[in-house]
């Protein structure tokens, strides 16, 4: 089991709107025989840290999962807790998107950029 964290993501208004309006979480279980589970926790960071996303995803071998969440917030952070036999083979990425669906490069976080904490 491991915990992966994006760290705080600042999303202040610039030019009349926030750069990121939505955030897409993509997860893949690259293990071909074992399952994994990922607990997704999203937090609003606006002076305090408040939970706004709570979802558990069970991934069968080779499964890909993608979910888009609201992110028109001053700041946010995602925490992913992986478990199961294939936890080490479960890859996660985070993609900030503008109101037109364009990727926001500054809010793109791939697996090796997530902070890992053993639990």
C-alpha atoms as a PDB file:
ATOM      1  CA  UNK A   1       0.000   0.000   0.000  1.00  0.00           C
ATOM      2  CA  UNK A   2       1.236   3.470  -0.852  1.00  0.00           C
ATOM      3  CA  UNK A   3      -0.069   6.999  -0.700  1.00  0.00           C
ATOM      4  CA  UNK A   4       0.607   9.324  -3.648  1.00  0.00           C
ATOM      5  CA  UNK A   5       0.021  13.072  -3.273  1.00  0.00           C
ATOM      6  CA  UNK A   6      -0.071  15.878  -5.847  1.00  0.00           C
ATOM      7  CA  UNK A   7       0.846  18.467  -3.266  1.00  0.00           C
ATOM      8  CA  UNK A   8      -0.993  21.801  -3.188  1.00  0.00           C
ATOM      9  CA  UNK A   9      -1.917  23.115  -6.642  1.00  0.00           C
ATOM     10  CA  UNK A  10      -2.459  26.870  -6.861  1.00  0.00           C
ATOM     11  CA  UNK A  11      -5.191  27.863  -9.325  1.00  0.00           C
ATOM     12  CA  UNK A  12      -5.672  31.604  -8.769  1.00  0.00           C
ATOM     13  CA  UNK A  13      -7.692  33.770 -11.139  1.00  0.00           C
ATOM     14  CA  UNK A  14      -5.666  35.086 -14.075  1.00  0.00           C
ATOM     15  CA  UNK A  15      -7.181  37.192 -16.856  1.00  0.00           C
ATOM     16  CA  UNK A  16     -10.685  36.868 -15.403  1.00  0.00           C
ATOM     17  CA  UNK A  17     -10.771  33.107 -14.846  1.00  0.00           C
ATOM     18  CA  UNK A  18      -8.797  30.312 -13.262  1.00  0.00           C
ATOM     19  CA  UNK A  19      -6.433  28.403 -15.581  1.00  0.00           C
ATOM     20  CA  UNK A  20      -7.890  25.018 -14.582  1.00  0.00           C
ATOM     21  CA  UNK A  21     -11.656  24.485 -14.544  1.00  0.00           C
ATOM     22  CA  UNK A  22     -11.627  20.670 -14.476  1.00  0.00           C
ATOM     23  CA  UNK A  23      -9.132  18.034 -13.430  1.00  0.00           C
ATOM     24  CA  UNK A  24      -9.019  14.584 -15.020  1.00  0.00           C
ATOM     25  CA  UNK A  25      -7.585  11.675 -13.055  1.00  0.00           C
ATOM     26  CA  UNK A  26      -6.310   8.752 -15.117  1.00  0.00           C
ATOM     27  CA  UNK A  27      -5.397   5.426 -13.540  1.00  0.00           C
ATOM     28  CA  UNK A  28      -4.190   2.202 -15.130  1.00  0.00           C
ATOM     29  CA  UNK A  29      -3.539  -1.186 -13.582  1.00  0.00           C
ATOM     30  CA  UNK A  30      -0.689  -2.463 -15.765  1.00  0.00           C
ATOM     31  CA  UNK A  31      -0.562  -5.828 -13.958  1.00  0.00           C
ATOM     32  CA  UNK A  32      -1.927  -8.583 -16.208  1.00  0.00           C
ATOM     33  CA  UNK A  33      -3.103 -10.956 -13.458  1.00  0.00           C
ATOM     34  CA  UNK A  34      -3.837  -9.049 -10.236  1.00  0.00           C
ATOM     35  CA  UNK A  35      -6.286  -6.374  -9.123  1.00  0.00           C
ATOM     36  CA  UNK A  36      -5.730  -3.092  -7.318  1.00  0.00           C
ATOM     37  CA  UNK A  37      -7.844  -0.512  -5.532  1.00  0.00           C
ATOM     38  CA  UNK A  38      -7.295   3.243  -5.474  1.00  0.00           C
ATOM     39  CA  UNK A  39      -8.930   5.572  -2.965  1.00  0.00           C
ATOM     40  CA  UNK A  40      -9.174   9.056  -4.513  1.00  0.00           C
ATOM     41  CA  UNK A  41      -9.425  12.027  -2.156  1.00  0.00           C
ATOM     42  CA  UNK A  42      -9.644  15.557  -3.530  1.00  0.00           C
ATOM     43  CA  UNK A  43      -9.298  18.577  -1.269  1.00  0.00           C
ATOM     44  CA  UNK A  44     -10.252  22.226  -1.723  1.00  0.00           C
ATOM     45  CA  UNK A  45      -7.452  24.489  -0.477  1.00  0.00           C
ATOM     46  CA  UNK A  46      -8.947  27.871   0.361  1.00  0.00           C
ATOM     47  CA  UNK A  47      -7.558  28.820   3.750  1.00  0.00           C
ATOM     48  CA  UNK A  48      -8.563  25.398   5.059  1.00  0.00           C
ATOM     49  CA  UNK A  49      -8.281  21.886   3.595  1.00  0.00           C
ATOM     50  CA  UNK A  50     -11.753  20.435   2.923  1.00  0.00           C
ATOM     51  CA  UNK A  51     -12.577  17.113   1.277  1.00  0.00           C
ATOM     52  CA  UNK A  52     -14.661  17.494  -1.906  1.00  0.00           C
ATOM     53  CA  UNK A  53     -13.914  14.244  -3.785  1.00  0.00           C
ATOM     54  CA  UNK A  54     -14.053  10.793  -2.230  1.00  0.00           C
ATOM     55  CA  UNK A  55     -14.129   7.789  -4.552  1.00  0.00           C
ATOM     56  CA  UNK A  56     -12.842   4.224  -4.406  1.00  0.00           C
ATOM     57  CA  UNK A  57     -11.931   2.561  -7.705  1.00  0.00           C
ATOM     58  CA  UNK A  58     -11.384  -1.189  -8.117  1.00  0.00           C
ATOM     59  CA  UNK A  59      -9.221  -2.019 -11.137  1.00  0.00           C
ATOM     60  CA  UNK A  60      -9.108  -5.430 -12.754  1.00  0.00           C
ATOM     61  CA  UNK A  61      -5.909  -6.524 -14.555  1.00  0.00           C
ATOM     62  CA  UNK A  62      -5.130  -4.213 -17.476  1.00  0.00           C
ATOM     63  CA  UNK A  63      -8.007  -1.816 -16.727  1.00  0.00           C
ATOM     64  CA  UNK A  64      -7.868   1.924 -17.480  1.00  0.00           C
ATOM     65  CA  UNK A  65      -9.981   4.414 -15.496  1.00  0.00           C
ATOM     66  CA  UNK A  66     -10.573   8.097 -16.229  1.00  0.00           C
ATOM     67  CA  UNK A  67     -12.739  10.543 -14.275  1.00  0.00           C
ATOM     68  CA  UNK A  68     -13.094  14.314 -14.522  1.00  0.00           C
ATOM     69  CA  UNK A  69     -13.809  16.448 -11.455  1.00  0.00           C
ATOM     70  CA  UNK A  70     -14.678  20.104 -10.865  1.00  0.00           C
ATOM     71  CA  UNK A  71     -11.565  22.227 -10.235  1.00  0.00           C
ATOM     72  CA  UNK A  72     -12.643  25.875 -10.578  1.00  0.00           C
ATOM     73  CA  UNK A  73     -11.076  26.494  -7.169  1.00  0.00           C
ATOM     74  CA  UNK A  74      -8.335  28.759  -5.765  1.00  0.00           C
ATOM     75  CA  UNK A  75      -6.346  25.662  -4.885  1.00  0.00           C
ATOM     76  CA  UNK A  76      -6.713  21.909  -4.706  1.00  0.00           C
ATOM     77  CA  UNK A  77      -4.814  18.755  -3.834  1.00  0.00           C
ATOM     78  CA  UNK A  78      -5.380  15.069  -4.597  1.00  0.00           C
ATOM     79  CA  UNK A  79      -4.329  12.105  -2.471  1.00  0.00           C
ATOM     80  CA  UNK A  80      -4.356   8.562  -3.874  1.00  0.00           C
ATOM     81  CA  UNK A  81      -4.078   5.492  -1.664  1.00  0.00           C
ATOM     82  CA  UNK A  82      -3.295   2.328  -3.615  1.00  0.00           C
ATOM     83  CA  UNK A  83      -3.843  -1.176  -2.284  1.00  0.00           C
ATOM     84  CA  UNK A  84      -4.171  -4.748  -3.497  1.00  0.00           C
ATOM     85  CA  UNK A  85      -1.697  -7.197  -5.009  1.00  0.00           C
ATOM     86  CA  UNK A  86      -1.202  -4.950  -8.066  1.00  0.00           C
ATOM     87  CA  UNK A  87      -0.781  -1.696  -6.105  1.00  0.00           C
ATOM     88  CA  UNK A  88       2.840  -1.342  -7.267  1.00  0.00           C
ATOM     89  CA  UNK A  89       1.694  -1.744 -10.896  1.00  0.00           C
ATOM     90  CA  UNK A  90      -0.977   0.943 -10.650  1.00  0.00           C
ATOM     91  CA  UNK A  91      -0.090   4.200 -12.410  1.00  0.00           C
ATOM     92  CA  UNK A  92      -1.811   7.544 -11.816  1.00  0.00           C
ATOM     93  CA  UNK A  93      -1.729  10.897 -13.599  1.00  0.00           C
ATOM     94  CA  UNK A  94      -3.539  14.204 -13.038  1.00  0.00           C
ATOM     95  CA  UNK A  95      -4.485  16.570 -15.882  1.00  0.00           C
ATOM     96  CA  UNK A  96      -5.724  20.135 -15.330  1.00  0.00           C
ATOM     97  CA  UNK A  97      -7.970  21.405 -18.140  1.00  0.00           C
ATOM     98  CA  UNK A  98      -9.206  24.860 -19.100  1.00  0.00           C
ATOM     99  CA  UNK A  99     -12.856  25.734 -19.746  1.00  0.00           C
ATOM    100  CA  UNK A 100     -12.306  24.799 -23.414  1.00  0.00           C
ATOM    101  CA  UNK A 101     -10.818  21.417 -22.484  1.00  0.00           C
ATOM    102  CA  UNK A 102      -7.221  22.381 -23.262  1.00  0.00           C
ATOM    103  CA  UNK A 103      -4.524  20.898 -21.034  1.00  0.00           C
ATOM    104  CA  UNK A 104      -2.978  23.288 -18.509  1.00  0.00           C
ATOM    105  CA  UNK A 105       0.691  22.301 -18.575  1.00  0.00           C
ATOM    106  CA  UNK A 106       1.427  23.718 -15.122  1.00  0.00           C
ATOM    107  CA  UNK A 107      -1.314  21.472 -13.676  1.00  0.00           C
ATOM    108  CA  UNK A 108      -0.214  18.249 -15.363  1.00  0.00           C
ATOM    109  CA  UNK A 109       1.219  15.719 -12.924  1.00  0.00           C
ATOM    110  CA  UNK A 110       2.446  12.294 -13.992  1.00  0.00           C
ATOM    111  CA  UNK A 111       3.354   9.331 -11.796  1.00  0.00           C
ATOM    112  CA  UNK A 112       7.020  10.180 -11.163  1.00  0.00           C
ATOM    113  CA  UNK A 113       6.027  13.724 -10.085  1.00  0.00           C
ATOM    114  CA  UNK A 114       3.647  12.548  -7.345  1.00  0.00           C
ATOM    115  CA  UNK A 115       5.019  12.487  -3.806  1.00  0.00           C
ATOM    116  CA  UNK A 116       5.033   8.920  -2.459  1.00  0.00           C
ATOM    117  CA  UNK A 117       4.490   8.099   1.191  1.00  0.00           C
ATOM    118  CA  UNK A 118       4.547   4.478   2.374  1.00  0.00           C
ATOM    119  CA  UNK A 119       1.595   3.603   4.598  1.00  0.00           C
END
